[in-house]
Amino acid sequence: MTADLPRPRRRKTAGTAARLRVTVSDGRGRPVRVPGLASWLARAAPRAAEGEVAIALVGDARMRALNRDYRDKDQATDVLSFPADPLDVVGDEPSLGDIVIATGVARRQARAAGHA
């Protein structure tokens, strides 16, 4: 994984289109069930998107370290994205990149915006 997080174990994610595989992990490569997240991303992605996207849900401290290491910003942020190398292939599927979400920051932002 581009962000120095273990690559999640491959598993088919229910509800996603065959053109896009979305894996969700806890940042240590262990699968996490987040109903709706993978299927939402599959629907929101451009129609031309084909391959695998890895989403890692991490704590604020881990996100702060990633933000500091990759962006020289010593604070947690809500989301970081890491594009894949065009030659990066997971199995027989091209990797489209990685998305890292800080669960604490996202929870606080949702609460402030009145979202569930």
C-alpha atoms as a PDB file:
ATOM      1  CA  MET A   1       0.000   0.000   0.000  1.00  0.00           C
ATOM      2  CA  THR A   2       1.351   3.361  -0.903  1.00  0.00           C
ATOM      3  CA  ALA A   3       0.795   4.860   2.557  1.00  0.00           C
ATOM      4  CA  ASP A   4       2.928   2.249   4.357  1.00  0.00           C
ATOM      5  CA  LEU A   5      -0.185   0.435   5.534  1.00  0.00           C
ATOM      6  CA  PRO A   6      -0.529  -3.315   4.999  1.00  0.00           C
ATOM      7  CA  ARG A   7      -2.504  -4.280   1.910  1.00  0.00           C
ATOM      8  CA  PRO A   8      -5.894  -5.685   3.003  1.00  0.00           C
ATOM      9  CA  ARG A   9      -6.620  -9.330   2.370  1.00  0.00           C
ATOM     10  CA  ARG A  10      -8.537  -9.672  -0.871  1.00  0.00           C
ATOM     11  CA  ARG A  11     -12.192 -10.475  -0.584  1.00  0.00           C
ATOM     12  CA  LYS A  12     -15.168  -9.725  -2.742  1.00  0.00           C
ATOM     13  CA  THR A  13     -17.120  -6.791  -1.392  1.00  0.00           C
ATOM     14  CA  ALA A  14     -20.860  -7.246  -1.672  1.00  0.00           C
ATOM     15  CA  GLY A  15     -22.730  -4.677  -3.702  1.00  0.00           C
ATOM     16  CA  THR A  16     -19.825  -3.375  -5.741  1.00  0.00           C
ATOM     17  CA  ALA A  17     -19.754  -3.526  -9.507  1.00  0.00           C
ATOM     18  CA  ALA A  18     -17.362  -6.002 -11.092  1.00  0.00           C
ATOM     19  CA  ARG A  19     -15.465  -3.100 -12.693  1.00  0.00           C
ATOM     20  CA  LEU A  20     -14.365  -1.753  -9.327  1.00  0.00           C
ATOM     21  CA  ARG A  21     -13.216  -3.721  -6.307  1.00  0.00           C
ATOM     22  CA  VAL A  22     -13.263  -1.812  -3.030  1.00  0.00           C
ATOM     23  CA  THR A  23     -11.560  -3.258   0.024  1.00  0.00           C
ATOM     24  CA  VAL A  24     -11.962  -1.712   3.460  1.00  0.00           C
ATOM     25  CA  SER A  25      -9.474  -2.455   6.229  1.00  0.00           C
ATOM     26  CA  ASP A  26      -8.507  -1.211   9.659  1.00  0.00           C
ATOM     27  CA  GLY A  27      -5.105   0.023   8.538  1.00  0.00           C
ATOM     28  CA  ARG A  28      -3.467  -3.222   9.630  1.00  0.00           C
ATOM     29  CA  GLY A  29      -4.869  -5.117   6.679  1.00  0.00           C
ATOM     30  CA  ARG A  30      -7.749  -6.688   8.604  1.00  0.00           C
ATOM     31  CA  PRO A  31     -11.085  -6.438   6.767  1.00  0.00           C
ATOM     32  CA  VAL A  32     -13.655  -4.105   8.304  1.00  0.00           C
ATOM     33  CA  ARG A  33     -17.381  -4.200   7.621  1.00  0.00           C
ATOM     34  CA  VAL A  34     -18.725  -0.727   6.995  1.00  0.00           C
ATOM     35  CA  PRO A  35     -22.148  -1.202   5.457  1.00  0.00           C
ATOM     36  CA  GLY A  36     -22.596   0.994   2.439  1.00  0.00           C
ATOM     37  CA  LEU A  37     -19.088   2.495   2.155  1.00  0.00           C
ATOM     38  CA  ALA A  38     -17.753   0.218  -0.573  1.00  0.00           C
ATOM     39  CA  SER A  39     -20.986   0.220  -2.560  1.00  0.00           C
ATOM     40  CA  TRP A  40     -21.244   4.028  -2.295  1.00  0.00           C
ATOM     41  CA  LEU A  41     -17.704   4.430  -3.646  1.00  0.00           C
ATOM     42  CA  ALA A  42     -18.414   1.993  -6.484  1.00  0.00           C
ATOM     43  CA  ARG A  43     -21.473   4.070  -7.449  1.00  0.00           C
ATOM     44  CA  ALA A  44     -19.674   7.414  -7.054  1.00  0.00           C
ATOM     45  CA  ALA A  45     -16.601   6.413  -9.061  1.00  0.00           C
ATOM     46  CA  PRO A  46     -16.343   7.410 -12.706  1.00  0.00           C
ATOM     47  CA  ARG A  47     -17.763   4.791 -15.066  1.00  0.00           C
ATOM     48  CA  ALA A  48     -14.318   4.288 -16.585  1.00  0.00           C
ATOM     49  CA  ALA A  49     -12.815   3.267 -13.224  1.00  0.00           C
ATOM     50  CA  GLU A  50     -11.692  -0.350 -13.332  1.00  0.00           C
ATOM     51  CA  GLY A  51      -9.513  -2.032 -10.749  1.00  0.00           C
ATOM     52  CA  GLU A  52      -9.042  -1.998  -7.001  1.00  0.00           C
ATOM     53  CA  VAL A  53      -9.302   0.810  -4.466  1.00  0.00           C
ATOM     54  CA  ALA A  54      -8.146   0.149  -0.916  1.00  0.00           C
ATOM     55  CA  ILE A  55      -9.703   2.127   1.936  1.00  0.00           C
ATOM     56  CA  ALA A  56      -8.029   2.111   5.345  1.00  0.00           C
ATOM     57  CA  LEU A  57      -9.891   3.362   8.416  1.00  0.00           C
ATOM     58  CA  VAL A  58      -7.349   4.601  10.957  1.00  0.00           C
ATOM     59  CA  GLY A  59      -7.253   6.464  14.232  1.00  0.00           C
ATOM     60  CA  ASP A  60      -6.384  10.135  14.450  1.00  0.00           C
ATOM     61  CA  ALA A  61      -2.850   9.475  15.760  1.00  0.00           C
ATOM     62  CA  ARG A  62      -2.026   7.255  12.770  1.00  0.00           C
ATOM     63  CA  MET A  63      -3.504   9.823  10.386  1.00  0.00           C
ATOM     64  CA  ARG A  64      -1.435  12.566  12.008  1.00  0.00           C
ATOM     65  CA  ALA A  65       1.718  10.519  11.450  1.00  0.00           C
ATOM     66  CA  LEU A  66       0.808   9.863   7.798  1.00  0.00           C
ATOM     67  CA  ASN A  67      -0.014  13.535   7.219  1.00  0.00           C
ATOM     68  CA  ARG A  68       3.292  14.538   8.810  1.00  0.00           C
ATOM     69  CA  ASP A  69       5.280  11.966   6.799  1.00  0.00           C
ATOM     70  CA  TYR A  70       3.674  12.612   3.425  1.00  0.00           C
ATOM     71  CA  ARG A  71       2.580  16.255   3.577  1.00  0.00           C
ATOM     72  CA  ASP A  72       4.780  17.799   6.299  1.00  0.00           C
ATOM     73  CA  LYS A  73       1.648  18.811   8.228  1.00  0.00           C
ATOM     74  CA  ASP A  74       1.780  17.776  11.895  1.00  0.00           C
ATOM     75  CA  GLN A  75      -1.946  17.351  12.438  1.00  0.00           C
ATOM     76  CA  ALA A  76      -4.641  14.812  11.741  1.00  0.00           C
ATOM     77  CA  THR A  77      -6.732  15.361   8.641  1.00  0.00           C
ATOM     78  CA  ASP A  78      -9.952  13.699   7.573  1.00  0.00           C
ATOM     79  CA  VAL A  79      -8.832  11.944   4.373  1.00  0.00           C
ATOM     80  CA  LEU A  80      -5.602  11.275   2.524  1.00  0.00           C
ATOM     81  CA  SER A  81      -5.451   9.703  -0.909  1.00  0.00           C
ATOM     82  CA  PHE A  82      -2.513   8.044  -2.566  1.00  0.00           C
ATOM     83  CA  PRO A  83      -2.542   7.446  -6.316  1.00  0.00           C
ATOM     84  CA  ALA A  84      -1.285   4.111  -7.551  1.00  0.00           C
ATOM     85  CA  ASP A  85       1.730   3.639  -9.714  1.00  0.00           C
ATOM     86  CA  PRO A  86       0.347   2.916 -13.203  1.00  0.00           C
ATOM     87  CA  LEU A  87       2.218  -0.394 -13.169  1.00  0.00           C
ATOM     88  CA  ASP A  88       0.887  -1.464  -9.749  1.00  0.00           C
ATOM     89  CA  VAL A  89      -1.336  -4.504 -10.222  1.00  0.00           C
ATOM     90  CA  VAL A  90      -3.133  -6.427  -7.466  1.00  0.00           C
ATOM     91  CA  GLY A  91      -3.621  -9.947  -8.759  1.00  0.00           C
ATOM     92  CA  ASP A  92      -4.937  -9.389 -12.258  1.00  0.00           C
ATOM     93  CA  GLU A  93      -6.560  -6.026 -11.452  1.00  0.00           C
ATOM     94  CA  PRO A  94      -4.876  -2.633 -11.690  1.00  0.00           C
ATOM     95  CA  SER A  95      -4.608  -0.755  -8.412  1.00  0.00           C
ATOM     96  CA  LEU A  96      -6.282   2.641  -8.579  1.00  0.00           C
ATOM     97  CA  GLY A  97      -4.789   3.837  -5.305  1.00  0.00           C
ATOM     98  CA  ASP A  98      -5.447   4.039  -1.610  1.00  0.00           C
ATOM     99  CA  ILE A  99      -7.726   6.177   0.534  1.00  0.00           C
ATOM    100  CA  VAL A 100      -7.061   6.634   4.252  1.00  0.00           C
ATOM    101  CA  ILE A 101      -9.863   7.961   6.472  1.00  0.00           C
ATOM    102  CA  ALA A 102      -9.354   9.148  10.058  1.00  0.00           C
ATOM    103  CA  THR A 103     -12.364   7.816  11.934  1.00  0.00           C
ATOM    104  CA  GLY A 104     -12.178  10.332  14.790  1.00  0.00           C
ATOM    105  CA  VAL A 105     -11.898  13.373  12.523  1.00  0.00           C
ATOM    106  CA  ALA A 106     -14.658  12.042  10.255  1.00  0.00           C
ATOM    107  CA  ARG A 107     -16.918  11.392  13.266  1.00  0.00           C
ATOM    108  CA  ARG A 108     -16.412  14.927  14.599  1.00  0.00           C
ATOM    109  CA  GLN A 109     -17.033  16.468  11.169  1.00  0.00           C
ATOM    110  CA  ALA A 110     -20.210  14.435  10.717  1.00  0.00           C
ATOM    111  CA  ARG A 111     -21.477  15.479  14.141  1.00  0.00           C
ATOM    112  CA  ALA A 112     -20.720  19.146  13.413  1.00  0.00           C
ATOM    113  CA  ALA A 113     -22.587  18.902  10.077  1.00  0.00           C
ATOM    114  CA  GLY A 114     -25.538  17.080  11.635  1.00  0.00           C
ATOM    115  CA  HIS A 115     -24.892  13.787   9.813  1.00  0.00           C
ATOM    116  CA  ALA A 116     -25.226  10.302  11.239  1.00  0.00           C
END
